[in-house]
Amino acid sequence: MELLEGDPSKATITLQYDSVADYRSYNQADLFYGTVEEAVRAGYLTEETLLLDAGDGGGIRLGDLGEKVSGRHVLISEEPILFYCPYRVTHYSDGVVLNQDGSADLGACEGRGILLLKK
């Protein structure tokens, strides 16, 4: 926990979890973190999933990214919260806001927020 610099009457609380299962259990919320291939097999993603490019904001279907996403990690959540990811976000779903500090805000997402990551 940290007091906010500009307003010491407010604090920021950061929670760290040992695993996705721990997150799901504690928050009673769905969260997926794994490879793109695992997300497709689990039904979280399809070839038609539309993502926005973090560089230019242009839209592209997951299937059109082809081999570029093989083995890459994805974070998927319906929680409208701020995520700090272990790798750089290269593509994301509509409603996600990428911040200068590298965090991704899923607060404006309708439904699931998707973050495609690259080491």
PDB file of N, CA and C in Angstrom:
ATOM      1  N   MET A   1       0.839  -1.162   0.000  1.00  0.00           N
ATOM      2  CA  MET A   1       0.000   0.000   0.000  1.00  0.00           C
ATOM      3  C   MET A   1       0.890   1.233   0.000  1.00  0.00           C
ATOM      4  N   GLU A   2       0.440   2.254  -0.757  1.00  0.00           N
ATOM      5  CA  GLU A   2       1.209   3.484  -0.888  1.00  0.00           C
ATOM      6  C   GLU A   2       0.269   4.672  -0.880  1.00  0.00           C
ATOM      7  N   LEU A   3       0.615   5.719  -0.139  1.00  0.00           N
ATOM      8  CA  LEU A   3      -0.173   6.951  -0.186  1.00  0.00           C
ATOM      9  C   LEU A   3       0.105   7.658  -1.501  1.00  0.00           C
ATOM     10  N   LEU A   4      -0.924   8.280  -2.084  1.00  0.00           N
ATOM     11  CA  LEU A   4      -0.732   9.016  -3.328  1.00  0.00           C
ATOM     12  C   LEU A   4       0.031  10.301  -3.044  1.00  0.00           C
ATOM     13  N   GLU A   5       0.978  10.620  -3.922  1.00  0.00           N
ATOM     14  CA  GLU A   5       1.809  11.809  -3.718  1.00  0.00           C
ATOM     15  C   GLU A   5       0.992  13.096  -3.698  1.00  0.00           C
ATOM     16  N   GLY A   6       0.052  13.231  -4.629  1.00  0.00           N
ATOM     17  CA  GLY A   6      -0.724  14.466  -4.738  1.00  0.00           C
ATOM     18  C   GLY A   6      -1.846  14.582  -3.733  1.00  0.00           C
ATOM     19  N   ASP A   7      -2.250  13.465  -3.136  1.00  0.00           N
ATOM     20  CA  ASP A   7      -3.364  13.472  -2.194  1.00  0.00           C
ATOM     21  C   ASP A   7      -3.137  12.379  -1.147  1.00  0.00           C
ATOM     22  N   PRO A   8      -2.474  12.721  -0.034  1.00  0.00           N
ATOM     23  CA  PRO A   8      -2.158  11.709   0.972  1.00  0.00           C
ATOM     24  C   PRO A   8      -3.375  11.117   1.690  1.00  0.00           C
ATOM     25  N   SER A   9      -4.577  11.621   1.370  1.00  0.00           N
ATOM     26  CA  SER A   9      -5.777  11.025   1.960  1.00  0.00           C
ATOM     27  C   SER A   9      -6.223   9.795   1.161  1.00  0.00           C
ATOM     28  N   LYS A  10      -5.538   9.520   0.030  1.00  0.00           N
ATOM     29  CA  LYS A  10      -5.857   8.365  -0.807  1.00  0.00           C
ATOM     30  C   LYS A  10      -4.628   7.472  -0.920  1.00  0.00           C
ATOM     31  N   ALA A  11      -4.877   6.193  -1.139  1.00  0.00           N
ATOM     32  CA  ALA A  11      -3.780   5.234  -1.242  1.00  0.00           C
ATOM     33  C   ALA A  11      -3.971   4.329  -2.447  1.00  0.00           C
ATOM     34  N   THR A  12      -2.867   3.787  -2.920  1.00  0.00           N
ATOM     35  CA  THR A  12      -2.873   2.779  -3.971  1.00  0.00           C
ATOM     36  C   THR A  12      -2.511   1.452  -3.319  1.00  0.00           C
ATOM     37  N   ILE A  13      -3.291   0.438  -3.632  1.00  0.00           N
ATOM     38  CA  ILE A  13      -3.016  -0.896  -3.103  1.00  0.00           C
ATOM     39  C   ILE A  13      -2.665  -1.796  -4.280  1.00  0.00           C
ATOM     40  N   THR A  14      -1.537  -2.460  -4.197  1.00  0.00           N
ATOM     41  CA  THR A  14      -1.102  -3.375  -5.236  1.00  0.00           C
ATOM     42  C   THR A  14      -1.144  -4.793  -4.676  1.00  0.00           C
ATOM     43  N   LEU A  15      -1.855  -5.655  -5.381  1.00  0.00           N
ATOM     44  CA  LEU A  15      -1.934  -7.055  -4.979  1.00  0.00           C
ATOM     45  C   LEU A  15      -1.137  -7.892  -5.973  1.00  0.00           C
ATOM     46  N   GLN A  16      -0.314  -8.777  -5.467  1.00  0.00           N
ATOM     47  CA  GLN A  16       0.433  -9.696  -6.307  1.00  0.00           C
ATOM     48  C   GLN A  16       0.011 -11.110  -5.948  1.00  0.00           C
ATOM     49  N   TYR A  17      -0.166 -11.936  -6.971  1.00  0.00           N
ATOM     50  CA  TYR A  17      -0.648 -13.299  -6.782  1.00  0.00           C
ATOM     51  C   TYR A  17       0.413 -14.278  -7.251  1.00  0.00           C
ATOM     52  N   ASP A  18       0.451 -15.437  -6.624  1.00  0.00           N
ATOM     53  CA  ASP A  18       1.405 -16.473  -7.018  1.00  0.00           C
ATOM     54  C   ASP A  18       1.008 -17.169  -8.306  1.00  0.00           C
ATOM     55  N   SER A  19      -0.295 -17.152  -8.624  1.00  0.00           N
ATOM     56  CA  SER A  19      -0.751 -17.854  -9.827  1.00  0.00           C
ATOM     57  C   SER A  19      -2.091 -17.274 -10.289  1.00  0.00           C
ATOM     58  N   VAL A  20      -2.455 -17.612 -11.519  1.00  0.00           N
ATOM     59  CA  VAL A  20      -3.763 -17.220 -12.052  1.00  0.00           C
ATOM     60  C   VAL A  20      -4.870 -17.872 -11.227  1.00  0.00           C
ATOM     61  N   ALA A  21      -4.653 -19.102 -10.816  1.00  0.00           N
ATOM     62  CA  ALA A  21      -5.653 -19.798  -9.995  1.00  0.00           C
ATOM     63  C   ALA A  21      -5.882 -19.062  -8.679  1.00  0.00           C
ATOM     64  N   ASP A  22      -4.811 -18.554  -8.073  1.00  0.00           N
ATOM     65  CA  ASP A  22      -4.950 -17.783  -6.837  1.00  0.00           C
ATOM     66  C   ASP A  22      -5.756 -16.503  -7.087  1.00  0.00           C
ATOM     67  N   TYR A  23      -5.492 -15.838  -8.211  1.00  0.00           N
ATOM     68  CA  TYR A  23      -6.239 -14.623  -8.564  1.00  0.00           C
ATOM     69  C   TYR A  23      -7.723 -14.941  -8.698  1.00  0.00           C
ATOM     70  N   ARG A  24      -8.027 -15.981  -9.476  1.00  0.00           N
ATOM     71  CA  ARG A  24      -9.429 -16.378  -9.692  1.00  0.00           C
ATOM     72  C   ARG A  24     -10.131 -16.682  -8.374  1.00  0.00           C
ATOM     73  N   SER A  25      -9.470 -17.432  -7.519  1.00  0.00           N
ATOM     74  CA  SER A  25     -10.059 -17.832  -6.249  1.00  0.00           C
ATOM     75  C   SER A  25     -10.292 -16.624  -5.336  1.00  0.00           C
ATOM     76  N   TYR A  26      -9.306 -15.780  -5.200  1.00  0.00           N
ATOM     77  CA  TYR A  26      -9.406 -14.634  -4.294  1.00  0.00           C
ATOM     78  C   TYR A  26     -10.442 -13.623  -4.776  1.00  0.00           C
ATOM     79  N   ASN A  27     -10.446 -13.337  -6.075  1.00  0.00           N
ATOM     80  CA  ASN A  27     -11.326 -12.300  -6.627  1.00  0.00           C
ATOM     81  C   ASN A  27     -12.667 -12.817  -7.132  1.00  0.00           C
ATOM     82  N   GLN A  28     -12.821 -14.150  -7.168  1.00  0.00           N
ATOM     83  CA  GLN A  28     -14.042 -14.733  -7.710  1.00  0.00           C
ATOM     84  C   GLN A  28     -14.337 -14.161  -9.104  1.00  0.00           C
ATOM     85  N   ALA A  29     -13.295 -14.104  -9.927  1.00  0.00           N
ATOM     86  CA  ALA A  29     -13.398 -13.534 -11.268  1.00  0.00           C
ATOM     87  C   ALA A  29     -12.556 -14.362 -12.229  1.00  0.00           C
ATOM     88  N   ASP A  30     -13.000 -14.422 -13.477  1.00  0.00           N
ATOM     89  CA  ASP A  30     -12.259 -15.159 -14.487  1.00  0.00           C
ATOM     90  C   ASP A  30     -11.046 -14.354 -14.935  1.00  0.00           C
ATOM     91  N   LEU A  31      -9.972 -15.040 -15.184  1.00  0.00           N
ATOM     92  CA  LEU A  31      -8.751 -14.449 -15.707  1.00  0.00           C
ATOM     93  C   LEU A  31      -8.035 -15.547 -16.473  1.00  0.00           C
ATOM     94  N   PHE A  32      -7.557 -15.204 -17.676  1.00  0.00           N
ATOM     95  CA  PHE A  32      -6.763 -16.152 -18.436  1.00  0.00           C
ATOM     96  C   PHE A  32      -5.413 -15.527 -18.692  1.00  0.00           C
ATOM     97  N   TYR A  33      -4.354 -16.301 -18.454  1.00  0.00           N
ATOM     98  CA  TYR A  33      -3.009 -15.903 -18.837  1.00  0.00           C
ATOM     99  C   TYR A  33      -2.305 -17.146 -19.357  1.00  0.00           C
ATOM    100  N   GLY A  34      -1.873 -17.084 -20.587  1.00  0.00           N
ATOM    101  CA  GLY A  34      -1.187 -18.214 -21.211  1.00  0.00           C
ATOM    102  C   GLY A  34      -0.836 -17.855 -22.639  1.00  0.00           C
ATOM    103  N   THR A  35      -0.537 -18.856 -23.441  1.00  0.00           N
ATOM    104  CA  THR A  35      -0.180 -18.599 -24.832  1.00  0.00           C
ATOM    105  C   THR A  35      -1.441 -18.380 -25.672  1.00  0.00           C
ATOM    106  N   VAL A  36      -1.256 -17.803 -26.835  1.00  0.00           N
ATOM    107  CA  VAL A  36      -2.371 -17.600 -27.760  1.00  0.00           C
ATOM    108  C   VAL A  36      -3.004 -18.937 -28.103  1.00  0.00           C
ATOM    109  N   GLU A  37      -2.175 -19.940 -28.349  1.00  0.00           N
ATOM    110  CA  GLU A  37      -2.691 -21.262 -28.699  1.00  0.00           C
ATOM    111  C   GLU A  37      -3.556 -21.844 -27.571  1.00  0.00           C
ATOM    112  N   GLU A  38      -3.120 -21.666 -26.334  1.00  0.00           N
ATOM    113  CA  GLU A  38      -3.905 -22.146 -25.187  1.00  0.00           C
ATOM    114  C   GLU A  38      -5.226 -21.383 -25.071  1.00  0.00           C
ATOM    115  N   ALA A  39      -5.194 -20.084 -25.350  1.00  0.00           N
ATOM    116  CA  ALA A  39      -6.415 -19.272 -25.290  1.00  0.00           C
ATOM    117  C   ALA A  39      -7.415 -19.690 -26.364  1.00  0.00           C
ATOM    118  N   VAL A  40      -6.926 -20.044 -27.546  1.00  0.00           N
ATOM    119  CA  VAL A  40      -7.806 -20.518 -28.617  1.00  0.00           C
ATOM    120  C   VAL A  40      -8.419 -21.860 -28.212  1.00  0.00           C
ATOM    121  N   ARG A  41      -7.595 -22.774 -27.726  1.00  0.00           N
ATOM    122  CA  ARG A  41      -8.099 -24.087 -27.298  1.00  0.00           C
ATOM    123  C   ARG A  41      -9.128 -23.966 -26.172  1.00  0.00           C
ATOM    124  N   ALA A  42      -8.940 -22.994 -25.284  1.00  0.00           N
ATOM    125  CA  ALA A  42      -9.856 -22.807 -24.151  1.00  0.00           C
ATOM    126  C   ALA A  42     -11.103 -22.015 -24.540  1.00  0.00           C
ATOM    127  N   GLY A  43     -11.154 -21.525 -25.786  1.00  0.00           N
ATOM    128  CA  GLY A  43     -12.330 -20.807 -26.262  1.00  0.00           C
ATOM    129  C   GLY A  43     -12.344 -19.320 -25.949  1.00  0.00           C
ATOM    130  N   TYR A  44     -11.244 -18.768 -25.480  1.00  0.00           N
ATOM    131  CA  TYR A  44     -11.173 -17.334 -25.190  1.00  0.00           C
ATOM    132  C   TYR A  44     -10.959 -16.492 -26.455  1.00  0.00           C
ATOM    133  N   LEU A  45     -10.274 -17.063 -27.443  1.00  0.00           N
ATOM    134  CA  LEU A  45      -9.957 -16.355 -28.684  1.00  0.00           C
ATOM    135  C   LEU A  45     -10.360 -17.191 -29.889  1.00  0.00           C
ATOM    136  N   THR A  46     -10.637 -16.497 -31.008  1.00  0.00           N
ATOM    137  CA  THR A  46     -10.851 -17.155 -32.294  1.00  0.00           C
ATOM    138  C   THR A  46     -10.028 -16.416 -33.342  1.00  0.00           C
ATOM    139  N   GLU A  47      -9.973 -16.983 -34.524  1.00  0.00           N
ATOM    140  CA  GLU A  47      -9.275 -16.326 -35.642  1.00  0.00           C
ATOM    141  C   GLU A  47      -9.892 -14.951 -35.942  1.00  0.00           C
ATOM    142  N   GLU A  48     -11.177 -14.781 -35.604  1.00  0.00           N
ATOM    143  CA  GLU A  48     -11.905 -13.548 -35.900  1.00  0.00           C
ATOM    144  C   GLU A  48     -11.769 -12.474 -34.818  1.00  0.00           C
ATOM    145  N   THR A  49     -11.108 -12.790 -33.706  1.00  0.00           N
ATOM    146  CA  THR A  49     -10.944 -11.814 -32.628  1.00  0.00           C
ATOM    147  C   THR A  49     -10.249 -10.569 -33.169  1.00  0.00           C
ATOM    148  N   LEU A  50     -10.887  -9.410 -32.984  1.00  0.00           N
ATOM    149  CA  LEU A  50     -10.334  -8.149 -33.473  1.00  0.00           C
ATOM    150  C   LEU A  50      -9.460  -7.512 -32.405  1.00  0.00           C
ATOM    151  N   LEU A  51      -8.242  -7.148 -32.795  1.00  0.00           N
ATOM    152  CA  LEU A  51      -7.301  -6.489 -31.896  1.00  0.00           C
ATOM    153  C   LEU A  51      -6.819  -5.190 -32.525  1.00  0.00           C
ATOM    154  N   LEU A  52      -6.399  -4.271 -31.677  1.00  0.00           N
ATOM    155  CA  LEU A  52      -5.840  -3.001 -32.134  1.00  0.00           C
ATOM    156  C   LEU A  52      -4.334  -3.030 -31.936  1.00  0.00           C
ATOM    157  N   ASP A  53      -3.603  -2.459 -32.885  1.00  0.00           N
ATOM    158  CA  ASP A  53      -2.146  -2.418 -32.835  1.00  0.00           C
ATOM    159  C   ASP A  53      -1.708  -1.314 -31.872  1.00  0.00           C
ATOM    160  N   ALA A  54      -0.838  -1.646 -30.919  1.00  0.00           N
ATOM    161  CA  ALA A  54      -0.377  -0.666 -29.941  1.00  0.00           C
ATOM    162  C   ALA A  54       0.449   0.442 -30.593  1.00  0.00           C
ATOM    163  N   GLY A  55       1.007   0.180 -31.771  1.00  0.00           N
ATOM    164  CA  GLY A  55       1.812   1.188 -32.452  1.00  0.00           C
ATOM    165  C   GLY A  55       0.990   2.228 -33.178  1.00  0.00           C
ATOM    166  N   ASP A  56       0.034   1.774 -34.007  1.00  0.00           N
ATOM    167  CA  ASP A  56      -0.717   2.725 -34.825  1.00  0.00           C
ATOM    168  C   ASP A  56      -2.216   2.723 -34.569  1.00  0.00           C
ATOM    169  N   GLY A  57      -2.692   1.844 -33.689  1.00  0.00           N
ATOM    170  CA  GLY A  57      -4.117   1.795 -33.361  1.00  0.00           C
ATOM    171  C   GLY A  57      -4.990   1.127 -34.406  1.00  0.00           C
ATOM    172  N   GLY A  58      -4.370   0.632 -35.476  1.00  0.00           N
ATOM    173  CA  GLY A  58      -5.134  -0.022 -36.531  1.00  0.00           C
ATOM    174  C   GLY A  58      -5.670  -1.365 -36.081  1.00  0.00           C
ATOM    175  N   GLY A  59      -6.824  -1.749 -36.607  1.00  0.00           N
ATOM    176  CA  GLY A  59      -7.445  -3.014 -36.249  1.00  0.00           C
ATOM    177  C   GLY A  59      -6.974  -4.147 -37.128  1.00  0.00           C
ATOM    178  N   ILE A  60      -6.879  -5.337 -36.536  1.00  0.00           N
ATOM    179  CA  ILE A  60      -6.484  -6.523 -37.274  1.00  0.00           C
ATOM    180  C   ILE A  60      -7.101  -7.750 -36.594  1.00  0.00           C
ATOM    181  N   ARG A  61      -7.516  -8.719 -37.408  1.00  0.00           N
ATOM    182  CA  ARG A  61      -8.031  -9.970 -36.857  1.00  0.00           C
ATOM    183  C   ARG A  61      -6.855 -10.816 -36.378  1.00  0.00           C
ATOM    184  N   LEU A  62      -7.059 -11.569 -35.314  1.00  0.00           N
ATOM    185  CA  LEU A  62      -6.013 -12.436 -34.776  1.00  0.00           C
ATOM    186  C   LEU A  62      -5.490 -13.375 -35.859  1.00  0.00           C
ATOM    187  N   GLY A  63      -6.373 -13.939 -36.660  1.00  0.00           N
ATOM    188  CA  GLY A  63      -5.964 -14.857 -37.718  1.00  0.00           C
ATOM    189  C   GLY A  63      -5.047 -14.223 -38.746  1.00  0.00           C
ATOM    190  N   ASP A  64      -5.174 -12.909 -38.960  1.00  0.00           N
ATOM    191  CA  ASP A  64      -4.326 -12.212 -39.925  1.00  0.00           C
ATOM    192  C   ASP A  64      -2.909 -11.974 -39.405  1.00  0.00           C
ATOM    193  N   LEU A  65      -2.708 -12.125 -38.101  1.00  0.00           N
ATOM    194  CA  LEU A  65      -1.367 -11.977 -37.540  1.00  0.00           C
ATOM    195  C   LEU A  65      -0.518 -13.217 -37.786  1.00  0.00           C
ATOM    196  N   GLY A  66      -1.188 -14.327 -38.085  1.00  0.00           N
ATOM    197  CA  GLY A  66      -0.501 -15.567 -38.463  1.00  0.00           C
ATOM    198  C   GLY A  66       0.543 -16.018 -37.465  1.00  0.00           C
ATOM    199  N   GLU A  67       1.697 -16.410 -37.983  1.00  0.00           N
ATOM    200  CA  GLU A  67       2.780 -16.969 -37.170  1.00  0.00           C
ATOM    201  C   GLU A  67       3.400 -15.949 -36.223  1.00  0.00           C
ATOM    202  N   LYS A  68       3.123 -14.665 -36.416  1.00  0.00           N
ATOM    203  CA  LYS A  68       3.676 -13.629 -35.544  1.00  0.00           C
ATOM    204  C   LYS A  68       3.246 -13.815 -34.093  1.00  0.00           C
ATOM    205  N   VAL A  69       2.118 -14.513 -33.867  1.00  0.00           N
ATOM    206  CA  VAL A  69       1.613 -14.672 -32.505  1.00  0.00           C
ATOM    207  C   VAL A  69       1.895 -16.051 -31.917  1.00  0.00           C
ATOM    208  N   SER A  70       2.521 -16.921 -32.680  1.00  0.00           N
ATOM    209  CA  SER A  70       2.802 -18.268 -32.205  1.00  0.00           C
ATOM    210  C   SER A  70       3.675 -18.213 -30.949  1.00  0.00           C
ATOM    211  N   GLY A  71       3.195 -18.834 -29.888  1.00  0.00           N
ATOM    212  CA  GLY A  71       3.940 -18.883 -28.640  1.00  0.00           C
ATOM    213  C   GLY A  71       3.866 -17.635 -27.782  1.00  0.00           C
ATOM    214  N   ARG A  72       3.243 -16.579 -28.301  1.00  0.00           N
ATOM    215  CA  ARG A  72       3.141 -15.341 -27.535  1.00  0.00           C
ATOM    216  C   ARG A  72       2.095 -15.474 -26.438  1.00  0.00           C
ATOM    217  N   HIS A  73       2.211 -14.659 -25.423  1.00  0.00           N
ATOM    218  CA  HIS A  73       1.298 -14.707 -24.290  1.00  0.00           C
ATOM    219  C   HIS A  73       0.168 -13.702 -24.442  1.00  0.00           C
ATOM    220  N   VAL A  74      -0.951 -14.044 -23.796  1.00  0.00           N
ATOM    221  CA  VAL A  74      -2.131 -13.200 -23.819  1.00  0.00           C
ATOM    222  C   VAL A  74      -2.729 -13.168 -22.417  1.00  0.00           C
ATOM    223  N   LEU A  75      -3.220 -12.000 -22.030  1.00  0.00           N
ATOM    224  CA  LEU A  75      -3.944 -11.843 -20.770  1.00  0.00           C
ATOM    225  C   LEU A  75      -5.362 -11.443 -21.134  1.00  0.00           C
ATOM    226  N   ILE A  76      -6.346 -12.132 -20.556  1.00  0.00           N
ATOM    227  CA  ILE A  76      -7.755 -11.868 -20.858  1.00  0.00           C
ATOM    228  C   ILE A  76      -8.505 -11.760 -19.536  1.00  0.00           C
ATOM    229  N   SER A  77      -9.244 -10.659 -19.370  1.00  0.00           N
ATOM    230  CA  SER A  77      -9.978 -10.460 -18.122  1.00  0.00           C
ATOM    231  C   SER A  77     -11.239  -9.644 -18.374  1.00  0.00           C
ATOM    232  N   GLU A  78     -12.274  -9.918 -17.590  1.00  0.00           N
ATOM    233  CA  GLU A  78     -13.496  -9.114 -17.617  1.00  0.00           C
ATOM    234  C   GLU A  78     -13.491  -8.069 -16.506  1.00  0.00           C
ATOM    235  N   GLU A  79     -12.441  -8.066 -15.699  1.00  0.00           N
ATOM    236  CA  GLU A  79     -12.348  -7.124 -14.594  1.00  0.00           C
ATOM    237  C   GLU A  79     -11.940  -5.741 -15.112  1.00  0.00           C
ATOM    238  N   PRO A  80     -12.658  -4.699 -14.736  1.00  0.00           N
ATOM    239  CA  PRO A  80     -12.337  -3.345 -15.207  1.00  0.00           C
ATOM    240  C   PRO A  80     -11.246  -2.701 -14.349  1.00  0.00           C
ATOM    241  N   ILE A  81     -10.053  -3.280 -14.393  1.00  0.00           N
ATOM    242  CA  ILE A  81      -8.970  -2.810 -13.533  1.00  0.00           C
ATOM    243  C   ILE A  81      -7.706  -2.545 -14.340  1.00  0.00           C
ATOM    244  N   LEU A  82      -6.689  -2.065 -13.648  1.00  0.00           N
ATOM    245  CA  LEU A  82      -5.401  -1.749 -14.237  1.00  0.00           C
ATOM    246  C   LEU A  82      -4.472  -2.953 -14.089  1.00  0.00           C
ATOM    247  N   PHE A  83      -3.859  -3.380 -15.193  1.00  0.00           N
ATOM    248  CA  PHE A  83      -2.919  -4.497 -15.170  1.00  0.00           C
ATOM    249  C   PHE A  83      -1.518  -4.009 -15.531  1.00  0.00           C
ATOM    250  N   TYR A  84      -0.545  -4.503 -14.785  1.00  0.00           N
ATOM    251  CA  TYR A  84       0.861  -4.355 -15.145  1.00  0.00           C
ATOM    252  C   TYR A  84       1.293  -5.720 -15.643  1.00  0.00           C
ATOM    253  N   CYS A  85       1.661  -5.801 -16.912  1.00  0.00           N
ATOM    254  CA  CYS A  85       1.970  -7.083 -17.543  1.00  0.00           C
ATOM    255  C   CYS A  85       3.465  -7.365 -17.488  1.00  0.00           C
ATOM    256  N   PRO A  86       3.832  -8.646 -17.533  1.00  0.00           N
ATOM    257  CA  PRO A  86       5.252  -8.997 -17.480  1.00  0.00           C
ATOM    258  C   PRO A  86       6.008  -8.688 -18.773  1.00  0.00           C
ATOM    259  N   TYR A  87       5.276  -8.450 -19.862  1.00  0.00           N
ATOM    260  CA  TYR A  87       5.895  -8.152 -21.157  1.00  0.00           C
ATOM    261  C   TYR A  87       5.159  -6.990 -21.808  1.00  0.00           C
ATOM    262  N   ARG A  88       5.719  -6.487 -22.899  1.00  0.00           N
ATOM    263  CA  ARG A  88       5.158  -5.349 -23.623  1.00  0.00           C
ATOM    264  C   ARG A  88       3.863  -5.736 -24.346  1.00  0.00           C
ATOM    265  N   VAL A  89       2.849  -4.876 -24.239  1.00  0.00           N
ATOM    266  CA  VAL A  89       1.581  -5.081 -24.951  1.00  0.00           C
ATOM    267  C   VAL A  89       1.762  -4.618 -26.394  1.00  0.00           C
ATOM    268  N   THR A  90       1.510  -5.515 -27.358  1.00  0.00           N
ATOM    269  CA  THR A  90       1.634  -5.150 -28.773  1.00  0.00           C
ATOM    270  C   THR A  90       0.275  -4.961 -29.437  1.00  0.00           C
ATOM    271  N   HIS A  91      -0.740  -5.665 -28.935  1.00  0.00           N
ATOM    272  CA  HIS A  91      -2.100  -5.575 -29.473  1.00  0.00           C
ATOM    273  C   HIS A  91      -3.072  -5.686 -28.311  1.00  0.00           C
ATOM    274  N   TYR A  92      -4.241  -5.095 -28.481  1.00  0.00           N
ATOM    275  CA  TYR A  92      -5.219  -5.099 -27.398  1.00  0.00           C
ATOM    276  C   TYR A  92      -6.621  -4.969 -27.967  1.00  0.00           C
ATOM    277  N   SER A  93      -7.612  -5.281 -27.134  1.00  0.00           N
ATOM    278  CA  SER A  93      -9.002  -5.184 -27.580  1.00  0.00           C
ATOM    279  C   SER A  93      -9.529  -3.767 -27.403  1.00  0.00           C
ATOM    280  N   ASP A  94     -10.633  -3.486 -28.070  1.00  0.00           N
ATOM    281  CA  ASP A  94     -11.272  -2.181 -28.002  1.00  0.00           C
ATOM    282  C   ASP A  94     -11.637  -1.854 -26.554  1.00  0.00           C
ATOM    283  N   GLY A  95     -11.394  -0.633 -26.148  1.00  0.00           N
ATOM    284  CA  GLY A  95     -11.704  -0.185 -24.799  1.00  0.00           C
ATOM    285  C   GLY A  95     -10.505  -0.162 -23.872  1.00  0.00           C
ATOM    286  N   VAL A  96      -9.456  -0.913 -24.199  1.00  0.00           N
ATOM    287  CA  VAL A  96      -8.240  -0.915 -23.380  1.00  0.00           C
ATOM    288  C   VAL A  96      -7.513   0.411 -23.584  1.00  0.00           C
ATOM    289  N   VAL A  97      -6.990   0.968 -22.496  1.00  0.00           N
ATOM    290  CA  VAL A  97      -6.177   2.180 -22.565  1.00  0.00           C
ATOM    291  C   VAL A  97      -4.775   1.816 -22.098  1.00  0.00           C
ATOM    292  N   LEU A  98      -3.786   2.022 -22.981  1.00  0.00           N
ATOM    293  CA  LEU A  98      -2.395   1.772 -22.617  1.00  0.00           C
ATOM    294  C   LEU A  98      -1.819   3.050 -22.021  1.00  0.00           C
ATOM    295  N   ASN A  99      -1.188   2.922 -20.872  1.00  0.00           N
ATOM    296  CA  ASN A  99      -0.626   4.081 -20.173  1.00  0.00           C
ATOM    297  C   ASN A  99       0.878   4.181 -20.380  1.00  0.00           C
ATOM    298  N   GLN A 100       1.410   5.382 -20.161  1.00  0.00           N
ATOM    299  CA  GLN A 100       2.840   5.648 -20.347  1.00  0.00           C
ATOM    300  C   GLN A 100       3.706   4.754 -19.461  1.00  0.00           C
ATOM    301  N   ASP A 101       3.213   4.361 -18.294  1.00  0.00           N
ATOM    302  CA  ASP A 101       4.013   3.550 -17.368  1.00  0.00           C
ATOM    303  C   ASP A 101       4.004   2.063 -17.733  1.00  0.00           C
ATOM    304  N   GLY A 102       3.377   1.704 -18.858  1.00  0.00           N
ATOM    305  CA  GLY A 102       3.342   0.322 -19.307  1.00  0.00           C
ATOM    306  C   GLY A 102       2.135  -0.457 -18.834  1.00  0.00           C
ATOM    307  N   SER A 103       1.318   0.162 -18.012  1.00  0.00           N
ATOM    308  CA  SER A 103       0.114  -0.525 -17.534  1.00  0.00           C
ATOM    309  C   SER A 103      -0.980  -0.465 -18.595  1.00  0.00           C
ATOM    310  N   ALA A 104      -1.962  -1.331 -18.434  1.00  0.00           N
ATOM    311  CA  ALA A 104      -3.110  -1.372 -19.343  1.00  0.00           C
ATOM    312  C   ALA A 104      -4.378  -1.282 -18.510  1.00  0.00           C
ATOM    313  N   ASP A 105      -5.221  -0.312 -18.814  1.00  0.00           N
ATOM    314  CA  ASP A 105      -6.460  -0.078 -18.084  1.00  0.00           C
ATOM    315  C   ASP A 105      -7.606  -0.721 -18.847  1.00  0.00           C
ATOM    316  N   LEU A 106      -8.269  -1.694 -18.231  1.00  0.00           N
ATOM    317  CA  LEU A 106      -9.385  -2.396 -18.859  1.00  0.00           C
ATOM    318  C   LEU A 106     -10.728  -1.829 -18.412  1.00  0.00           C
ATOM    319  N   GLY A 107     -10.706  -0.667 -17.780  1.00  0.00           N
ATOM    320  CA  GLY A 107     -11.911  -0.064 -17.215  1.00  0.00           C
ATOM    321  C   GLY A 107     -12.990   0.287 -18.218  1.00  0.00           C
ATOM    322  N   ALA A 108     -12.635   0.571 -19.456  1.00  0.00           N
ATOM    323  CA  ALA A 108     -13.624   0.976 -20.457  1.00  0.00           C
ATOM    324  C   ALA A 108     -14.022  -0.166 -21.393  1.00  0.00           C
ATOM    325  N   CYS A 109     -13.536  -1.367 -21.134  1.00  0.00           N
ATOM    326  CA  CYS A 109     -13.870  -2.510 -21.991  1.00  0.00           C
ATOM    327  C   CYS A 109     -15.308  -2.949 -21.757  1.00  0.00           C
ATOM    328  N   GLU A 110     -15.975  -3.308 -22.840  1.00  0.00           N
ATOM    329  CA  GLU A 110     -17.285  -3.934 -22.728  1.00  0.00           C
ATOM    330  C   GLU A 110     -17.043  -5.424 -22.886  1.00  0.00           C
ATOM    331  N   GLY A 111     -17.205  -6.158 -21.812  1.00  0.00           N
ATOM    332  CA  GLY A 111     -16.876  -7.585 -21.832  1.00  0.00           C
ATOM    333  C   GLY A 111     -15.413  -7.791 -21.538  1.00  0.00           C
ATOM    334  N   ARG A 112     -14.813  -8.750 -22.227  1.00  0.00           N
ATOM    335  CA  ARG A 112     -13.429  -9.114 -21.974  1.00  0.00           C
ATOM    336  C   ARG A 112     -12.447  -8.108 -22.563  1.00  0.00           C
ATOM    337  N   GLY A 113     -11.417  -7.819 -21.775  1.00  0.00           N
ATOM    338  CA  GLY A 113     -10.276  -7.063 -22.272  1.00  0.00           C
ATOM    339  C   GLY A 113      -9.181  -8.061 -22.629  1.00  0.00           C
ATOM    340  N   ILE A 114      -8.535  -7.830 -23.762  1.00  0.00           N
ATOM    341  CA  ILE A 114      -7.503  -8.745 -24.250  1.00  0.00           C
ATOM    342  C   ILE A 114      -6.211  -7.978 -24.443  1.00  0.00           C
ATOM    343  N   LEU A 115      -5.114  -8.528 -23.923  1.00  0.00           N
ATOM    344  CA  LEU A 115      -3.792  -7.936 -24.079  1.00  0.00           C
ATOM    345  C   LEU A 115      -2.867  -8.975 -24.682  1.00  0.00           C
ATOM    346  N   LEU A 116      -2.350  -8.721 -25.872  1.00  0.00           N
ATOM    347  CA  LEU A 116      -1.394  -9.613 -26.521  1.00  0.00           C
ATOM    348  C   LEU A 116       0.004  -9.095 -26.196  1.00  0.00           C
ATOM    349  N   LEU A 117       0.852  -9.962 -25.669  1.00  0.00           N
ATOM    350  CA  LEU A 117       2.151  -9.557 -25.147  1.00  0.00           C
ATOM    351  C   LEU A 117       3.297 -10.112 -25.971  1.00  0.00           C
ATOM    352  N   LYS A 118       4.431  -9.402 -25.918  1.00  0.00           N
ATOM    353  CA  LYS A 118       5.640  -9.855 -26.609  1.00  0.00           C
ATOM    354  C   LYS A 118       6.832  -9.631 -25.694  1.00  0.00           C
ATOM    355  N   LYS A 119       7.657 -10.682 -25.566  1.00  0.00           N
ATOM    356  CA  LYS A 119       8.882 -10.582 -24.739  1.00  0.00           C
ATOM    357  C   LYS A 119       9.863  -9.653 -25.374  1.00  0.00           C
TER     358      LYS A 119
END
